[in-house]
Structures are given as C-alpha cells and as structure tokens.
C-alpha cells in the first residue's frame, strides 16, 4: 500500500512559499493596517454627524419708521371733544368707542358784561367872534378795556374849516361841506379821557353842530 501523505514531486509547502517571497507578508500587513485605519475614521465621524447642529445666528430685520402725528389716526384712537367757550378750559375726554366722526368746535360769542360802560363825547363851544369860533370835545372811555373812537360833526354850510389838536393823538378829515370826522390815532385806554381843542372858520353865525355822534351814538352838545 502506498503512502498518500507523501508530498508530490515538485510541490512546495506554504511556509516555504512565504519564506521565499517576503513581500507578500508586507503587503498583507499594509492592507490590514489600511482596513483598521478606515474603520477607525468611520467610527469617529459617526458620532460627529449624530451631534445636534448648532443654532443659526439670529437675523435682525430693519425696523420700519414710526408714523408721525400728522398721519391718519387709527380707528382705535380715542376722539377728543373740545369746548371752545373762552371762559372754560378745554379738556380732553376720550369717547367710549372709536368712530369716524371728526371733533368739531362750537364757536361762542362773549356777550358784553353788564355795566361795562361806553364811549361818550361832550361838545362845548368856548368862544366866538365874527369869522370863527372855538370849541372843546371831550371823549370818555368808561368801558372795561381800550377802545377806538370816532366823532362826526355836521354843521350847516356856513362852517368852512377846522383846526384841531389833542395830546392823545388825533386824526381829522372832512367828508364834505361842514362835515368833519375826528378820531384817535390809538385806542383810548379804559377810564381815560381825550380832550380835543377845535377852532372853526365860518361865515355868518352859529357855533353848534346840527349833529354830533361818537362811534354812532349821539354826543352831548352843551
């Protein structure tokens, strides 16, 4: 019986092959190191990708400019009613519900106070000669404030000219034959009196006007 375990002629054992070609061992070692390196890199990158991402930085949007007071008021803005009476102070009162109605001011007229007085005038002839005569006009302000005054003197056709003067300021003009208009150049203060000295040129006689008014009311002719 022949021995089957006997090596065949020409066959070489594995250790003998490795010993004869040492570079094969080097290649196997390098390949194994490469596989281990790749496995290690994949193991480290896995937890890195699994980590929660960091929050993105906040974004700041530009702010719109605020609406000025000249813009149209919103529907929720309270309306304000104003009382325009001069003696009362205006107060702001919000309405319980907003509406589209605009606040309106009711104009009022202050009535003159009782006993406030008036502007009066007294005419008095002081001297007379053949061609002229002199007179004095006294204007009184018994109101509670400064007042303008205007006196109109209307004579018959024989009075031709006038010369007048006053310490309180005076303006004189004629409206026609024998019609003269005198007025103050500034308001007469309350409680004050303006005295006007006058000299009239005439033909004939007479030293009193047929009509005398102050601010439309009759004067006192003495």
C-alpha atoms as a PDB file:
ATOM      1  CA  UNK A   1       0.000   0.000   0.000  1.00  0.00           C
ATOM      2  CA  UNK A   2       1.347   3.329  -0.995  1.00  0.00           C
ATOM      3  CA  UNK A   3       1.545   6.305   1.458  1.00  0.00           C
ATOM      4  CA  UNK A   4      -0.889   9.095   0.303  1.00  0.00           C
ATOM      5  CA  UNK A   5       0.600  11.659   2.690  1.00  0.00           C
ATOM      6  CA  UNK A   6       3.849  11.743   0.877  1.00  0.00           C
ATOM      7  CA  UNK A   7       4.413  15.025  -0.898  1.00  0.00           C
ATOM      8  CA  UNK A   8       4.077  15.138  -4.552  1.00  0.00           C
ATOM      9  CA  UNK A   9       7.149  15.679  -6.523  1.00  0.00           C
ATOM     10  CA  UNK A  10       7.740  19.298  -7.217  1.00  0.00           C
ATOM     11  CA  UNK A  11       5.125  20.622  -4.619  1.00  0.00           C
ATOM     12  CA  UNK A  12       6.238  23.325  -2.131  1.00  0.00           C
ATOM     13  CA  UNK A  13       4.843  23.932   1.354  1.00  0.00           C
ATOM     14  CA  UNK A  14       3.201  27.267   2.406  1.00  0.00           C
ATOM     15  CA  UNK A  15       5.940  28.281   4.841  1.00  0.00           C
ATOM     16  CA  UNK A  16       8.403  27.668   2.154  1.00  0.00           C
ATOM     17  CA  UNK A  17       6.490  29.878  -0.254  1.00  0.00           C
ATOM     18  CA  UNK A  18       6.195  32.700   2.307  1.00  0.00           C
ATOM     19  CA  UNK A  19       9.806  32.424   3.160  1.00  0.00           C
ATOM     20  CA  UNK A  20      10.758  32.621  -0.480  1.00  0.00           C
ATOM     21  CA  UNK A  21       8.548  35.729  -1.107  1.00  0.00           C
ATOM     22  CA  UNK A  22       8.716  38.047   1.962  1.00  0.00           C
ATOM     23  CA  UNK A  23       6.981  40.981   0.173  1.00  0.00           C
ATOM     24  CA  UNK A  24       3.689  39.122   0.324  1.00  0.00           C
ATOM     25  CA  UNK A  25       3.773  39.366   4.119  1.00  0.00           C
ATOM     26  CA  UNK A  26       4.467  43.078   3.868  1.00  0.00           C
ATOM     27  CA  UNK A  27       1.510  43.628   1.534  1.00  0.00           C
ATOM     28  CA  UNK A  28      -0.831  41.725   3.820  1.00  0.00           C
ATOM     29  CA  UNK A  29       0.284  43.787   6.820  1.00  0.00           C
ATOM     30  CA  UNK A  30      -0.151  47.057   4.976  1.00  0.00           C
ATOM     31  CA  UNK A  31      -3.637  46.032   3.788  1.00  0.00           C
ATOM     32  CA  UNK A  32      -4.659  45.101   7.327  1.00  0.00           C
ATOM     33  CA  UNK A  33      -3.449  48.466   8.688  1.00  0.00           C
ATOM     34  CA  UNK A  34      -5.354  50.291   5.944  1.00  0.00           C
ATOM     35  CA  UNK A  35      -8.568  48.438   6.848  1.00  0.00           C
ATOM     36  CA  UNK A  36      -8.118  49.275  10.537  1.00  0.00           C
ATOM     37  CA  UNK A  37      -7.439  52.940   9.740  1.00  0.00           C
ATOM     38  CA  UNK A  38     -10.587  53.235   7.605  1.00  0.00           C
ATOM     39  CA  UNK A  39     -12.664  51.563  10.299  1.00  0.00           C
ATOM     40  CA  UNK A  40     -11.286  53.954  12.943  1.00  0.00           C
ATOM     41  CA  UNK A  41     -12.078  57.033  10.797  1.00  0.00           C
ATOM     42  CA  UNK A  42     -15.643  55.874  10.179  1.00  0.00           C
ATOM     43  CA  UNK A  43     -16.111  55.203  13.894  1.00  0.00           C
ATOM     44  CA  UNK A  44     -15.065  58.809  14.836  1.00  0.00           C
ATOM     45  CA  UNK A  45     -17.141  60.550  12.130  1.00  0.00           C
ATOM     46  CA  UNK A  46     -20.309  58.712  13.054  1.00  0.00           C
ATOM     47  CA  UNK A  47     -20.763  60.434  16.493  1.00  0.00           C
ATOM     48  CA  UNK A  48     -19.707  63.744  14.934  1.00  0.00           C
ATOM     49  CA  UNK A  49     -22.591  63.610  12.457  1.00  0.00           C
ATOM     50  CA  UNK A  50     -25.011  62.457  15.127  1.00  0.00           C
ATOM     51  CA  UNK A  51     -24.353  65.534  17.293  1.00  0.00           C
ATOM     52  CA  UNK A  52     -27.079  68.222  17.286  1.00  0.00           C
ATOM     53  CA  UNK A  53     -26.318  71.093  14.936  1.00  0.00           C
ATOM     54  CA  UNK A  54     -25.531  74.464  16.482  1.00  0.00           C
ATOM     55  CA  UNK A  55     -28.323  77.076  16.305  1.00  0.00           C
ATOM     56  CA  UNK A  56     -28.070  79.520  13.450  1.00  0.00           C
ATOM     57  CA  UNK A  57     -27.160  83.116  14.389  1.00  0.00           C
ATOM     58  CA  UNK A  58     -30.199  85.426  14.868  1.00  0.00           C
ATOM     59  CA  UNK A  59     -31.304  87.611  11.956  1.00  0.00           C
ATOM     60  CA  UNK A  60     -32.080  91.288  12.526  1.00  0.00           C
ATOM     61  CA  UNK A  61     -34.634  92.821  10.190  1.00  0.00           C
ATOM     62  CA  UNK A  62     -34.689  96.597   9.583  1.00  0.00           C
ATOM     63  CA  UNK A  63     -37.266  98.444  11.696  1.00  0.00           C
ATOM     64  CA  UNK A  64     -39.930 100.427   9.877  1.00  0.00           C
ATOM     65  CA  UNK A  65     -40.025 104.168  10.743  1.00  0.00           C
ATOM     66  CA  UNK A  66     -42.786 105.137  13.154  1.00  0.00           C
ATOM     67  CA  UNK A  67     -45.760 107.094  11.838  1.00  0.00           C
ATOM     68  CA  UNK A  68     -45.694 110.792  12.747  1.00  0.00           C
ATOM     69  CA  UNK A  69     -48.598 112.632  14.361  1.00  0.00           C
ATOM     70  CA  UNK A  70     -49.517 114.164  11.013  1.00  0.00           C
ATOM     71  CA  UNK A  71     -50.584 110.750   9.670  1.00  0.00           C
ATOM     72  CA  UNK A  72     -54.145 109.467   9.620  1.00  0.00           C
ATOM     73  CA  UNK A  73     -55.201 108.340  13.106  1.00  0.00           C
ATOM     74  CA  UNK A  74     -56.014 104.673  13.567  1.00  0.00           C
ATOM     75  CA  UNK A  75     -59.556 103.506  14.127  1.00  0.00           C
ATOM     76  CA  UNK A  76     -58.776 102.664  17.780  1.00  0.00           C
ATOM     77  CA  UNK A  77     -57.583 106.188  18.664  1.00  0.00           C
ATOM     78  CA  UNK A  78     -59.969 107.989  21.083  1.00  0.00           C
ATOM     79  CA  UNK A  79     -61.694 111.077  19.780  1.00  0.00           C
ATOM     80  CA  UNK A  80     -61.465 114.302  21.691  1.00  0.00           C
ATOM     81  CA  UNK A  81     -64.284 116.846  22.028  1.00  0.00           C
ATOM     82  CA  UNK A  82     -63.182 120.391  22.678  1.00  0.00           C
ATOM     83  CA  UNK A  83     -65.364 123.154  24.166  1.00  0.00           C
ATOM     84  CA  UNK A  84     -64.359 126.482  22.559  1.00  0.00           C
ATOM     85  CA  UNK A  85     -66.040 128.682  25.193  1.00  0.00           C
ATOM     86  CA  UNK A  86     -63.469 131.431  26.067  1.00  0.00           C
ATOM     87  CA  UNK A  87     -64.201 131.269  29.806  1.00  0.00           C
ATOM     88  CA  UNK A  88     -63.838 127.482  30.089  1.00  0.00           C
ATOM     89  CA  UNK A  89     -60.642 125.454  29.915  1.00  0.00           C
ATOM     90  CA  UNK A  90     -60.523 122.810  27.198  1.00  0.00           C
ATOM     91  CA  UNK A  91     -60.276 119.226  28.471  1.00  0.00           C
ATOM     92  CA  UNK A  92     -59.557 116.044  26.529  1.00  0.00           C
ATOM     93  CA  UNK A  93     -62.245 113.360  27.003  1.00  0.00           C
ATOM     94  CA  UNK A  94     -61.832 110.002  25.199  1.00  0.00           C
ATOM     95  CA  UNK A  95     -65.031 108.616  23.712  1.00  0.00           C
ATOM     96  CA  UNK A  96     -66.091 105.103  24.825  1.00  0.00           C
ATOM     97  CA  UNK A  97     -65.981 103.797  21.234  1.00  0.00           C
ATOM     98  CA  UNK A  98     -63.986 104.928  18.242  1.00  0.00           C
ATOM     99  CA  UNK A  99     -65.978 106.364  15.344  1.00  0.00           C
ATOM    100  CA  UNK A 100     -65.305 108.070  12.058  1.00  0.00           C
ATOM    101  CA  UNK A 101     -66.697 111.435  13.149  1.00  0.00           C
ATOM    102  CA  UNK A 102     -64.240 114.289  13.488  1.00  0.00           C
ATOM    103  CA  UNK A 103     -64.234 116.503  16.591  1.00  0.00           C
ATOM    104  CA  UNK A 104     -65.853 119.857  15.953  1.00  0.00           C
ATOM    105  CA  UNK A 105     -65.503 123.113  17.869  1.00  0.00           C
ATOM    106  CA  UNK A 106     -68.646 125.130  18.563  1.00  0.00           C
ATOM    107  CA  UNK A 107     -67.838 128.856  18.334  1.00  0.00           C
ATOM    108  CA  UNK A 108     -69.330 131.008  21.030  1.00  0.00           C
ATOM    109  CA  UNK A 109     -69.573 134.772  21.277  1.00  0.00           C
ATOM    110  CA  UNK A 110     -68.691 136.524  24.512  1.00  0.00           C
ATOM    111  CA  UNK A 111     -71.518 138.878  25.399  1.00  0.00           C
ATOM    112  CA  UNK A 112     -70.551 142.273  26.827  1.00  0.00           C
ATOM    113  CA  UNK A 113     -70.662 142.288  30.590  1.00  0.00           C
ATOM    114  CA  UNK A 114     -73.443 144.211  32.271  1.00  0.00           C
ATOM    115  CA  UNK A 115     -72.411 147.707  33.292  1.00  0.00           C
ATOM    116  CA  UNK A 116     -69.329 147.601  31.079  1.00  0.00           C
ATOM    117  CA  UNK A 117     -69.841 151.279  30.170  1.00  0.00           C
ATOM    118  CA  UNK A 118     -69.495 153.003  26.826  1.00  0.00           C
ATOM    119  CA  UNK A 119     -67.539 155.616  24.893  1.00  0.00           C
ATOM    120  CA  UNK A 120     -69.178 159.032  25.181  1.00  0.00           C
ATOM    121  CA  UNK A 121     -68.387 162.558  23.919  1.00  0.00           C
ATOM    122  CA  UNK A 122     -69.306 166.059  25.037  1.00  0.00           C
ATOM    123  CA  UNK A 123     -69.198 169.063  22.696  1.00  0.00           C
ATOM    124  CA  UNK A 124     -68.890 172.545  24.265  1.00  0.00           C
ATOM    125  CA  UNK A 125     -68.432 175.914  22.480  1.00  0.00           C
ATOM    126  CA  UNK A 126     -65.898 178.040  24.378  1.00  0.00           C
ATOM    127  CA  UNK A 127     -65.533 181.327  22.460  1.00  0.00           C
ATOM    128  CA  UNK A 128     -66.812 183.068  19.331  1.00  0.00           C
ATOM    129  CA  UNK A 129     -66.039 186.065  17.082  1.00  0.00           C
ATOM    130  CA  UNK A 130     -67.219 187.275  13.704  1.00  0.00           C
ATOM    131  CA  UNK A 131     -65.274 184.871  11.440  1.00  0.00           C
ATOM    132  CA  UNK A 132     -64.552 181.900  13.739  1.00  0.00           C
ATOM    133  CA  UNK A 133     -65.411 180.150  16.982  1.00  0.00           C
ATOM    134  CA  UNK A 134     -63.650 177.734  19.341  1.00  0.00           C
ATOM    135  CA  UNK A 135     -64.980 174.561  20.953  1.00  0.00           C
ATOM    136  CA  UNK A 136     -63.824 171.666  23.124  1.00  0.00           C
ATOM    137  CA  UNK A 137     -64.602 167.981  22.541  1.00  0.00           C
ATOM    138  CA  UNK A 138     -64.217 165.593  25.495  1.00  0.00           C
ATOM    139  CA  UNK A 139     -64.206 161.847  24.747  1.00  0.00           C
ATOM    140  CA  UNK A 140     -64.514 159.442  27.720  1.00  0.00           C
ATOM    141  CA  UNK A 141     -63.991 155.680  27.801  1.00  0.00           C
ATOM    142  CA  UNK A 142     -65.972 154.106  30.665  1.00  0.00           C
ATOM    143  CA  UNK A 143     -65.709 150.532  29.346  1.00  0.00           C
ATOM    144  CA  UNK A 144     -63.525 147.808  30.778  1.00  0.00           C
ATOM    145  CA  UNK A 145     -60.895 147.938  28.019  1.00  0.00           C
ATOM    146  CA  UNK A 146     -59.177 150.158  25.469  1.00  0.00           C
ATOM    147  CA  UNK A 147     -61.483 151.375  22.695  1.00  0.00           C
ATOM    148  CA  UNK A 148     -61.186 153.109  19.330  1.00  0.00           C
ATOM    149  CA  UNK A 149     -63.242 156.283  18.969  1.00  0.00           C
ATOM    150  CA  UNK A 150     -64.638 158.276  16.035  1.00  0.00           C
ATOM    151  CA  UNK A 151     -66.584 161.540  16.281  1.00  0.00           C
ATOM    152  CA  UNK A 152     -68.545 163.060  13.395  1.00  0.00           C
ATOM    153  CA  UNK A 153     -69.556 166.743  13.475  1.00  0.00           C
ATOM    154  CA  UNK A 154     -72.080 168.037  10.944  1.00  0.00           C
ATOM    155  CA  UNK A 155     -72.561 171.802  10.664  1.00  0.00           C
ATOM    156  CA  UNK A 156     -74.601 173.919   8.276  1.00  0.00           C
ATOM    157  CA  UNK A 157     -72.907 175.220   5.155  1.00  0.00           C
ATOM    158  CA  UNK A 158     -71.553 178.362   6.841  1.00  0.00           C
ATOM    159  CA  UNK A 159     -68.733 176.425   8.650  1.00  0.00           C
ATOM    160  CA  UNK A 160     -65.858 176.091   6.190  1.00  0.00           C
ATOM    161  CA  UNK A 161     -62.738 174.916   8.015  1.00  0.00           C
ATOM    162  CA  UNK A 162     -61.422 173.320  11.221  1.00  0.00           C
ATOM    163  CA  UNK A 163     -58.184 173.305  13.184  1.00  0.00           C
ATOM    164  CA  UNK A 164     -57.900 170.741  15.973  1.00  0.00           C
ATOM    165  CA  UNK A 165     -55.289 169.402  18.399  1.00  0.00           C
ATOM    166  CA  UNK A 166     -55.118 166.807  21.171  1.00  0.00           C
ATOM    167  CA  UNK A 167     -52.410 165.432  23.441  1.00  0.00           C
ATOM    168  CA  UNK A 168     -53.709 161.852  22.994  1.00  0.00           C
ATOM    169  CA  UNK A 169     -53.191 161.719  19.195  1.00  0.00           C
ATOM    170  CA  UNK A 170     -55.712 162.909  16.637  1.00  0.00           C
ATOM    171  CA  UNK A 171     -56.707 162.398  13.019  1.00  0.00           C
ATOM    172  CA  UNK A 172     -59.005 164.932  11.251  1.00  0.00           C
ATOM    173  CA  UNK A 173     -60.566 164.780   7.783  1.00  0.00           C
ATOM    174  CA  UNK A 174     -63.571 166.278   6.003  1.00  0.00           C
ATOM    175  CA  UNK A 175     -66.393 164.376   4.339  1.00  0.00           C
ATOM    176  CA  UNK A 176     -67.904 167.408   2.592  1.00  0.00           C
ATOM    177  CA  UNK A 177     -69.080 170.932   3.321  1.00  0.00           C
ATOM    178  CA  UNK A 178     -69.390 171.332   7.115  1.00  0.00           C
ATOM    179  CA  UNK A 179     -68.921 167.577   7.786  1.00  0.00           C
ATOM    180  CA  UNK A 180     -65.831 166.754   9.857  1.00  0.00           C
ATOM    181  CA  UNK A 181     -64.582 163.394  11.155  1.00  0.00           C
ATOM    182  CA  UNK A 182     -62.225 163.235  14.166  1.00  0.00           C
ATOM    183  CA  UNK A 183     -60.691 160.013  15.505  1.00  0.00           C
ATOM    184  CA  UNK A 184     -57.916 158.909  17.840  1.00  0.00           C
ATOM    185  CA  UNK A 185     -54.683 157.590  16.354  1.00  0.00           C
ATOM    186  CA  UNK A 186     -54.571 154.861  19.030  1.00  0.00           C
ATOM    187  CA  UNK A 187     -57.158 153.176  21.280  1.00  0.00           C
ATOM    188  CA  UNK A 188     -58.274 155.149  24.309  1.00  0.00           C
ATOM    189  CA  UNK A 189     -57.437 153.195  27.494  1.00  0.00           C
ATOM    190  CA  UNK A 190     -60.201 152.216  29.895  1.00  0.00           C
ATOM    191  CA  UNK A 191     -61.159 155.047  32.257  1.00  0.00           C
ATOM    192  CA  UNK A 192     -59.167 157.622  30.249  1.00  0.00           C
ATOM    193  CA  UNK A 193     -60.332 160.879  28.636  1.00  0.00           C
ATOM    194  CA  UNK A 194     -59.243 162.538  25.384  1.00  0.00           C
ATOM    195  CA  UNK A 195     -59.694 166.327  25.093  1.00  0.00           C
ATOM    196  CA  UNK A 196     -59.719 167.911  21.618  1.00  0.00           C
ATOM    197  CA  UNK A 197     -59.378 171.686  21.154  1.00  0.00           C
ATOM    198  CA  UNK A 198     -61.002 172.951  17.920  1.00  0.00           C
ATOM    199  CA  UNK A 199     -61.226 176.259  16.044  1.00  0.00           C
ATOM    200  CA  UNK A 200     -63.696 176.555  13.161  1.00  0.00           C
ATOM    201  CA  UNK A 201     -63.717 179.123  10.356  1.00  0.00           C
ATOM    202  CA  UNK A 202     -67.184 180.303   9.390  1.00  0.00           C
ATOM    203  CA  UNK A 203     -69.321 182.921   7.645  1.00  0.00           C
ATOM    204  CA  UNK A 204     -72.342 184.141   9.499  1.00  0.00           C
ATOM    205  CA  UNK A 205     -73.341 182.945  12.972  1.00  0.00           C
ATOM    206  CA  UNK A 206     -73.758 179.681  14.861  1.00  0.00           C
ATOM    207  CA  UNK A 207     -71.268 177.619  16.894  1.00  0.00           C
ATOM    208  CA  UNK A 208     -73.095 174.333  17.476  1.00  0.00           C
ATOM    209  CA  UNK A 209     -73.235 171.344  15.134  1.00  0.00           C
ATOM    210  CA  UNK A 210     -76.559 170.138  13.864  1.00  0.00           C
ATOM    211  CA  UNK A 211     -75.393 166.586  14.520  1.00  0.00           C
ATOM    212  CA  UNK A 212     -72.646 165.050  16.685  1.00  0.00           C
ATOM    213  CA  UNK A 213     -72.041 161.292  17.056  1.00  0.00           C
ATOM    214  CA  UNK A 214     -69.331 159.179  18.711  1.00  0.00           C
ATOM    215  CA  UNK A 215     -68.974 155.613  17.418  1.00  0.00           C
ATOM    216  CA  UNK A 216     -72.501 156.003  16.016  1.00  0.00           C
ATOM    217  CA  UNK A 217     -74.110 157.190  19.298  1.00  0.00           C
ATOM    218  CA  UNK A 218     -75.236 160.769  19.957  1.00  0.00           C
ATOM    219  CA  UNK A 219     -72.875 163.180  21.698  1.00  0.00           C
ATOM    220  CA  UNK A 220     -73.843 165.620  24.409  1.00  0.00           C
ATOM    221  CA  UNK A 221     -73.943 169.169  22.970  1.00  0.00           C
ATOM    222  CA  UNK A 222     -73.597 171.916  25.536  1.00  0.00           C
END
